[in-house]
Amino acid sequence: MVSWGIAFFEYCFQVPANRIGSYEFTPAQLKTIQEIITLSIFPVFSVLYLGDRFRWNYGVGFALIVAASFFIFHKW
């Protein structure tokens, strides 16, 4: 029930945010923003709560995502 409650709470914010955001951003940009937020929060949760070690390949993967966001948001 807790996980469903969290998912419902997130959904209640996600739908209006996507509708409002669609006036300013493309769907690809909105999805990129969502993934960047998720991948920024999850490593902190993973290290602090789950006790996982942050490895160099995680950092490289995140750097590549940052590079990808540059290409998605850059005005060509």
PDB file of N, CA and C in Angstrom:
ATOM      1  N   MET A   1       0.815  -1.192   0.000  1.00  0.00           N
ATOM      2  CA  MET A   1       0.000   0.000   0.000  1.00  0.00           C
ATOM      3  C   MET A   1       0.866   1.268   0.000  1.00  0.00           C
ATOM      4  N   VAL A   2       2.003   1.193   0.682  1.00  0.00           N
ATOM      5  CA  VAL A   2       2.878   2.366   0.744  1.00  0.00           C
ATOM      6  C   VAL A   2       3.421   2.692  -0.645  1.00  0.00           C
ATOM      7  N   SER A   3       3.871   1.677  -1.365  1.00  0.00           N
ATOM      8  CA  SER A   3       4.425   1.934  -2.699  1.00  0.00           C
ATOM      9  C   SER A   3       3.352   2.469  -3.650  1.00  0.00           C
ATOM     10  N   TRP A   4       2.137   1.952  -3.538  1.00  0.00           N
ATOM     11  CA  TRP A   4       1.049   2.471  -4.368  1.00  0.00           C
ATOM     12  C   TRP A   4       0.726   3.912  -3.995  1.00  0.00           C
ATOM     13  N   GLY A   5       0.805   4.229  -2.712  1.00  0.00           N
ATOM     14  CA  GLY A   5       0.563   5.601  -2.269  1.00  0.00           C
ATOM     15  C   GLY A   5       1.615   6.562  -2.799  1.00  0.00           C
ATOM     16  N   ILE A   6       2.870   6.134  -2.784  1.00  0.00           N
ATOM     17  CA  ILE A   6       3.946   6.964  -3.327  1.00  0.00           C
ATOM     18  C   ILE A   6       3.755   7.155  -4.824  1.00  0.00           C
ATOM     19  N   ALA A   7       3.421   6.072  -5.527  1.00  0.00           N
ATOM     20  CA  ALA A   7       3.219   6.161  -6.975  1.00  0.00           C
ATOM     21  C   ALA A   7       2.047   7.078  -7.302  1.00  0.00           C
ATOM     22  N   PHE A   8       0.973   6.986  -6.537  1.00  0.00           N
ATOM     23  CA  PHE A   8      -0.180   7.857  -6.774  1.00  0.00           C
ATOM     24  C   PHE A   8       0.179   9.319  -6.525  1.00  0.00           C
ATOM     25  N   PHE A   9       0.898   9.579  -5.449  1.00  0.00           N
ATOM     26  CA  PHE A   9       1.338  10.937  -5.115  1.00  0.00           C
ATOM     27  C   PHE A   9       2.204  11.499  -6.238  1.00  0.00           C
ATOM     28  N   GLU A  10       3.138  10.686  -6.743  1.00  0.00           N
ATOM     29  CA  GLU A  10       3.998  11.118  -7.850  1.00  0.00           C
ATOM     30  C   GLU A  10       3.177  11.372  -9.111  1.00  0.00           C
ATOM     31  N   TYR A  11       2.240  10.504  -9.398  1.00  0.00           N
ATOM     32  CA  TYR A  11       1.397  10.643 -10.590  1.00  0.00           C
ATOM     33  C   TYR A  11       0.574  11.928 -10.541  1.00  0.00           C
ATOM     34  N   CYS A  12       0.085  12.282  -9.357  1.00  0.00           N
ATOM     35  CA  CYS A  12      -0.714  13.501  -9.210  1.00  0.00           C
ATOM     36  C   CYS A  12       0.077  14.753  -9.572  1.00  0.00           C
ATOM     37  N   PHE A  13       1.385  14.712  -9.376  1.00  0.00           N
ATOM     38  CA  PHE A  13       2.226  15.844  -9.750  1.00  0.00           C
ATOM     39  C   PHE A  13       2.737  15.733 -11.182  1.00  0.00           C
ATOM     40  N   GLN A  14       2.961  14.518 -11.648  1.00  0.00           N
ATOM     41  CA  GLN A  14       3.569  14.319 -12.961  1.00  0.00           C
ATOM     42  C   GLN A  14       2.640  14.749 -14.093  1.00  0.00           C
ATOM     43  N   VAL A  15       1.384  14.398 -14.026  1.00  0.00           N
ATOM     44  CA  VAL A  15       0.461  14.708 -15.118  1.00  0.00           C
ATOM     45  C   VAL A  15       0.301  16.217 -15.312  1.00  0.00           C
ATOM     46  N   PRO A  16       0.008  16.994 -14.262  1.00  0.00           N
ATOM     47  CA  PRO A  16      -0.079  18.447 -14.471  1.00  0.00           C
ATOM     48  C   PRO A  16       1.267  19.054 -14.877  1.00  0.00           C
ATOM     49  N   ALA A  17       2.355  18.529 -14.340  1.00  0.00           N
ATOM     50  CA  ALA A  17       3.671  19.072 -14.689  1.00  0.00           C
ATOM     51  C   ALA A  17       3.978  18.845 -16.163  1.00  0.00           C
ATOM     52  N   ASN A  18       3.636  17.681 -16.682  1.00  0.00           N
ATOM     53  CA  ASN A  18       3.859  17.425 -18.110  1.00  0.00           C
ATOM     54  C   ASN A  18       2.981  18.312 -18.984  1.00  0.00           C
ATOM     55  N   ARG A  19       1.759  18.558 -18.543  1.00  0.00           N
ATOM     56  CA  ARG A  19       0.862  19.423 -19.316  1.00  0.00           C
ATOM     57  C   ARG A  19       1.394  20.857 -19.324  1.00  0.00           C
ATOM     58  N   ILE A  20       1.806  21.344 -18.178  1.00  0.00           N
ATOM     59  CA  ILE A  20       2.359  22.699 -18.090  1.00  0.00           C
ATOM     60  C   ILE A  20       3.689  22.780 -18.823  1.00  0.00           C
ATOM     61  N   GLY A  21       4.528  21.768 -18.642  1.00  0.00           N
ATOM     62  CA  GLY A  21       5.844  21.757 -19.279  1.00  0.00           C
ATOM     63  C   GLY A  21       5.794  21.647 -20.784  1.00  0.00           C
ATOM     64  N   SER A  22       4.719  21.077 -21.313  1.00  0.00           N
ATOM     65  CA  SER A  22       4.631  20.901 -22.766  1.00  0.00           C
ATOM     66  C   SER A  22       4.508  22.227 -23.502  1.00  0.00           C
ATOM     67  N   TYR A  23       4.176  23.294 -22.788  1.00  0.00           N
ATOM     68  CA  TYR A  23       4.131  24.614 -23.425  1.00  0.00           C
ATOM     69  C   TYR A  23       5.534  25.159 -23.670  1.00  0.00           C
ATOM     70  N   GLU A  24       6.499  24.695 -22.889  1.00  0.00           N
ATOM     71  CA  GLU A  24       7.866  25.211 -22.970  1.00  0.00           C
ATOM     72  C   GLU A  24       8.847  24.209 -23.568  1.00  0.00           C
ATOM     73  N   PHE A  25       8.631  22.909 -23.316  1.00  0.00           N
ATOM     74  CA  PHE A  25       9.578  21.874 -23.714  1.00  0.00           C
ATOM     75  C   PHE A  25       8.923  20.862 -24.645  1.00  0.00           C
ATOM     76  N   THR A  26       9.763  20.185 -25.435  1.00  0.00           N
ATOM     77  CA  THR A  26       9.280  19.094 -26.273  1.00  0.00           C
ATOM     78  C   THR A  26       9.143  17.840 -25.400  1.00  0.00           C
ATOM     79  N   PRO A  27       8.420  16.823 -25.879  1.00  0.00           N
ATOM     80  CA  PRO A  27       8.323  15.587 -25.094  1.00  0.00           C
ATOM     81  C   PRO A  27       9.690  14.947 -24.803  1.00  0.00           C
ATOM     82  N   ALA A  28      10.607  15.004 -25.752  1.00  0.00           N
ATOM     83  CA  ALA A  28      11.950  14.446 -25.512  1.00  0.00           C
ATOM     84  C   ALA A  28      12.666  15.210 -24.408  1.00  0.00           C
ATOM     85  N   GLN A  29      12.502  16.520 -24.376  1.00  0.00           N
ATOM     86  CA  GLN A  29      13.138  17.316 -23.336  1.00  0.00           C
ATOM     87  C   GLN A  29      12.508  17.033 -21.964  1.00  0.00           C
ATOM     88  N   LEU A  30      11.185  16.883 -21.922  1.00  0.00           N
ATOM     89  CA  LEU A  30      10.521  16.560 -20.662  1.00  0.00           C
ATOM     90  C   LEU A  30      10.993  15.212 -20.120  1.00  0.00           C
ATOM     91  N   LYS A  31      11.108  14.230 -20.996  1.00  0.00           N
ATOM     92  CA  LYS A  31      11.582  12.908 -20.566  1.00  0.00           C
ATOM     93  C   LYS A  31      13.023  12.983 -20.088  1.00  0.00           C
ATOM     94  N   THR A  32      13.836  13.789 -20.751  1.00  0.00           N
ATOM     95  CA  THR A  32      15.228  13.954 -20.334  1.00  0.00           C
ATOM     96  C   THR A  32      15.300  14.585 -18.954  1.00  0.00           C
ATOM     97  N   ILE A  33      14.491  15.591 -18.701  1.00  0.00           N
ATOM     98  CA  ILE A  33      14.449  16.219 -17.382  1.00  0.00           C
ATOM     99  C   ILE A  33      14.054  15.198 -16.317  1.00  0.00           C
ATOM    100  N   GLN A  34      13.050  14.393 -16.616  1.00  0.00           N
ATOM    101  CA  GLN A  34      12.593  13.374 -15.677  1.00  0.00           C
ATOM    102  C   GLN A  34      13.717  12.382 -15.365  1.00  0.00           C
ATOM    103  N   GLU A  35      14.418  11.937 -16.374  1.00  0.00           N
ATOM    104  CA  GLU A  35      15.496  10.963 -16.157  1.00  0.00           C
ATOM    105  C   GLU A  35      16.663  11.571 -15.397  1.00  0.00           C
ATOM    106  N   ILE A  36      16.989  12.816 -15.679  1.00  0.00           N
ATOM    107  CA  ILE A  36      18.087  13.468 -14.968  1.00  0.00           C
ATOM    108  C   ILE A  36      17.748  13.614 -13.490  1.00  0.00           C
ATOM    109  N   ILE A  37      16.513  13.987 -13.191  1.00  0.00           N
ATOM    110  CA  ILE A  37      16.102  14.096 -11.779  1.00  0.00           C
ATOM    111  C   ILE A  37      16.179  12.737 -11.102  1.00  0.00           C
ATOM    112  N   THR A  38      15.651  11.715 -11.759  1.00  0.00           N
ATOM    113  CA  THR A  38      15.680  10.363 -11.192  1.00  0.00           C
ATOM    114  C   THR A  38      17.110   9.895 -10.967  1.00  0.00           C
ATOM    115  N   LEU A  39      17.964  10.088 -11.959  1.00  0.00           N
ATOM    116  CA  LEU A  39      19.339   9.610 -11.852  1.00  0.00           C
ATOM    117  C   LEU A  39      20.207  10.499 -10.981  1.00  0.00           C
ATOM    118  N   SER A  40      19.700  11.638 -10.569  1.00  0.00           N
ATOM    119  CA  SER A  40      20.412  12.463  -9.602  1.00  0.00           C
ATOM    120  C   SER A  40      20.057  12.067  -8.174  1.00  0.00           C
ATOM    121  N   ILE A  41      18.817  11.637  -7.971  1.00  0.00           N
ATOM    122  CA  ILE A  41      18.355  11.287  -6.628  1.00  0.00           C
ATOM    123  C   ILE A  41      18.696   9.845  -6.277  1.00  0.00           C
ATOM    124  N   PHE A  42      18.570   8.928  -7.225  1.00  0.00           N
ATOM    125  CA  PHE A  42      18.762   7.512  -6.905  1.00  0.00           C
ATOM    126  C   PHE A  42      20.166   7.179  -6.413  1.00  0.00           C
ATOM    127  N   PRO A  43      21.246   7.730  -6.984  1.00  0.00           N
ATOM    128  CA  PRO A  43      22.575   7.393  -6.434  1.00  0.00           C
ATOM    129  C   PRO A  43      22.739   7.799  -4.972  1.00  0.00           C
ATOM    130  N   VAL A  44      22.175   8.937  -4.600  1.00  0.00           N
ATOM    131  CA  VAL A  44      22.246   9.372  -3.199  1.00  0.00           C
ATOM    132  C   VAL A  44      21.496   8.373  -2.316  1.00  0.00           C
ATOM    133  N   PHE A  45      20.300   7.978  -2.735  1.00  0.00           N
ATOM    134  CA  PHE A  45      19.520   6.978  -2.005  1.00  0.00           C
ATOM    135  C   PHE A  45      20.274   5.652  -1.942  1.00  0.00           C
ATOM    136  N   SER A  46      20.863   5.266  -3.055  1.00  0.00           N
ATOM    137  CA  SER A  46      21.571   3.995  -3.130  1.00  0.00           C
ATOM    138  C   SER A  46      22.770   3.949  -2.187  1.00  0.00           C
ATOM    139  N   VAL A  47      23.499   5.049  -2.110  1.00  0.00           N
ATOM    140  CA  VAL A  47      24.685   5.086  -1.240  1.00  0.00           C
ATOM    141  C   VAL A  47      24.284   5.223   0.226  1.00  0.00           C
ATOM    142  N   LEU A  48      23.386   6.159   0.517  1.00  0.00           N
ATOM    143  CA  LEU A  48      23.055   6.443   1.914  1.00  0.00           C
ATOM    144  C   LEU A  48      22.142   5.402   2.549  1.00  0.00           C
ATOM    145  N   TYR A  49      21.162   4.933   1.806  1.00  0.00           N
ATOM    146  CA  TYR A  49      20.175   4.020   2.400  1.00  0.00           C
ATOM    147  C   TYR A  49      20.501   2.553   2.142  1.00  0.00           C
ATOM    148  N   LEU A  50      20.886   2.234   0.908  1.00  0.00           N
ATOM    149  CA  LEU A  50      21.146   0.833   0.562  1.00  0.00           C
ATOM    150  C   LEU A  50      22.579   0.400   0.850  1.00  0.00           C
ATOM    151  N   GLY A  51      23.463   1.370   1.093  1.00  0.00           N
ATOM    152  CA  GLY A  51      24.847   1.032   1.425  1.00  0.00           C
ATOM    153  C   GLY A  51      25.697   0.639   0.234  1.00  0.00           C
ATOM    154  N   ASP A  52      25.263   0.969  -0.960  1.00  0.00           N
ATOM    155  CA  ASP A  52      26.030   0.655  -2.164  1.00  0.00           C
ATOM    156  C   ASP A  52      27.203   1.618  -2.287  1.00  0.00           C
ATOM    157  N   ARG A  53      28.283   1.161  -2.896  1.00  0.00           N
ATOM    158  CA  ARG A  53      29.429   2.031  -3.142  1.00  0.00           C
ATOM    159  C   ARG A  53      29.268   2.676  -4.507  1.00  0.00           C
ATOM    160  N   PHE A  54      29.615   3.967  -4.583  1.00  0.00           N
ATOM    161  CA  PHE A  54      29.576   4.663  -5.864  1.00  0.00           C
ATOM    162  C   PHE A  54      30.842   4.305  -6.624  1.00  0.00           C
ATOM    163  N   ARG A  55      30.707   3.758  -7.804  1.00  0.00           N
ATOM    164  CA  ARG A  55      31.854   3.285  -8.584  1.00  0.00           C
ATOM    165  C   ARG A  55      32.137   4.236  -9.739  1.00  0.00           C
ATOM    166  N   TRP A  56      33.332   4.122 -10.274  1.00  0.00           N
ATOM    167  CA  TRP A  56      33.764   5.032 -11.346  1.00  0.00           C
ATOM    168  C   TRP A  56      32.887   4.899 -12.584  1.00  0.00           C
ATOM    169  N   ASN A  57      32.448   3.681 -12.896  1.00  0.00           N
ATOM    170  CA  ASN A  57      31.630   3.509 -14.102  1.00  0.00           C
ATOM    171  C   ASN A  57      30.255   4.168 -13.954  1.00  0.00           C
ATOM    172  N   TYR A  58      29.753   4.297 -12.727  1.00  0.00           N
ATOM    173  CA  TYR A  58      28.514   5.048 -12.518  1.00  0.00           C
ATOM    174  C   TYR A  58      28.733   6.512 -12.882  1.00  0.00           C
ATOM    175  N   GLY A  59      29.858   7.055 -12.441  1.00  0.00           N
ATOM    176  CA  GLY A  59      30.185   8.446 -12.751  1.00  0.00           C
ATOM    177  C   GLY A  59      30.312   8.686 -14.245  1.00  0.00           C
ATOM    178  N   VAL A  60      30.943   7.749 -14.947  1.00  0.00           N
ATOM    179  CA  VAL A  60      31.072   7.879 -16.400  1.00  0.00           C
ATOM    180  C   VAL A  60      29.698   7.825 -17.057  1.00  0.00           C
ATOM    181  N   GLY A  61      28.852   6.913 -16.595  1.00  0.00           N
ATOM    182  CA  GLY A  61      27.493   6.825 -17.142  1.00  0.00           C
ATOM    183  C   GLY A  61      26.708   8.111 -16.934  1.00  0.00           C
ATOM    184  N   PHE A  62      26.815   8.690 -15.747  1.00  0.00           N
ATOM    185  CA  PHE A  62      26.119   9.947 -15.473  1.00  0.00           C
ATOM    186  C   PHE A  62      26.688  11.078 -16.318  1.00  0.00           C
ATOM    187  N   ALA A  63      27.992  11.091 -16.527  1.00  0.00           N
ATOM    188  CA  ALA A  63      28.600  12.116 -17.381  1.00  0.00           C
ATOM    189  C   ALA A  63      28.082  11.999 -18.817  1.00  0.00           C
ATOM    190  N   LEU A  64      27.893  10.778 -19.295  1.00  0.00           N
ATOM    191  CA  LEU A  64      27.359  10.588 -20.641  1.00  0.00           C
ATOM    192  C   LEU A  64      25.896  11.055 -20.729  1.00  0.00           C
ATOM    193  N   ILE A  65      25.150  10.877 -19.653  1.00  0.00           N
ATOM    194  CA  ILE A  65      23.773  11.377 -19.637  1.00  0.00           C
ATOM    195  C   ILE A  65      23.763  12.898 -19.670  1.00  0.00           C
ATOM    196  N   VAL A  66      24.695  13.525 -18.959  1.00  0.00           N
ATOM    197  CA  VAL A  66      24.805  14.986 -19.005  1.00  0.00           C
ATOM    198  C   VAL A  66      25.151  15.434 -20.426  1.00  0.00           C
ATOM    199  N   ALA A  67      26.061  14.713 -21.081  1.00  0.00           N
ATOM    200  CA  ALA A  67      26.413  15.040 -22.468  1.00  0.00           C
ATOM    201  C   ALA A  67      25.196  14.878 -23.376  1.00  0.00           C
ATOM    202  N   ALA A  68      24.418  13.830 -23.153  1.00  0.00           N
ATOM    203  CA  ALA A  68      23.211  13.618 -23.961  1.00  0.00           C
ATOM    204  C   ALA A  68      22.223  14.760 -23.759  1.00  0.00           C
ATOM    205  N   SER A  69      22.089  15.228 -22.526  1.00  0.00           N
ATOM    206  CA  SER A  69      21.155  16.331 -22.278  1.00  0.00           C
ATOM    207  C   SER A  69      21.620  17.608 -22.970  1.00  0.00           C
ATOM    208  N   PHE A  70      22.924  17.787 -23.110  1.00  0.00           N
ATOM    209  CA  PHE A  70      23.425  18.943 -23.860  1.00  0.00           C
ATOM    210  C   PHE A  70      22.906  18.896 -25.293  1.00  0.00           C
ATOM    211  N   PHE A  71      22.991  17.737 -25.924  1.00  0.00           N
ATOM    212  CA  PHE A  71      22.551  17.623 -27.309  1.00  0.00           C
ATOM    213  C   PHE A  71      21.033  17.745 -27.448  1.00  0.00           C
ATOM    214  N   ILE A  72      20.300  17.319 -26.439  1.00  0.00           N
ATOM    215  CA  ILE A  72      18.846  17.416 -26.505  1.00  0.00           C
ATOM    216  C   ILE A  72      18.375  18.853 -26.299  1.00  0.00           C
ATOM    217  N   PHE A  73      19.030  19.607 -25.411  1.00  0.00           N
ATOM    218  CA  PHE A  73      18.566  20.949 -25.087  1.00  0.00           C
ATOM    219  C   PHE A  73      19.246  22.055 -25.887  1.00  0.00           C
ATOM    220  N   HIS A  74      20.318  21.751 -26.591  1.00  0.00           N
ATOM    221  CA  HIS A  74      21.019  22.771 -27.359  1.00  0.00           C
ATOM    222  C   HIS A  74      20.187  23.182 -28.579  1.00  0.00           C
ATOM    223  N   LYS A  75      20.120  24.468 -28.830  1.00  0.00           N
ATOM    224  CA  LYS A  75      19.379  24.974 -29.994  1.00  0.00           C
ATOM    225  C   LYS A  75      20.263  24.845 -31.238  1.00  0.00           C
ATOM    226  N   TRP A  76      19.898  23.961 -32.135  1.00  0.00           N
ATOM    227  CA  TRP A  76      20.712  23.749 -33.356  1.00  0.00           C
ATOM    228  C   TRP A  76      20.137  24.545 -34.489  1.00  0.00           C
TER     229      TRP A  76
END
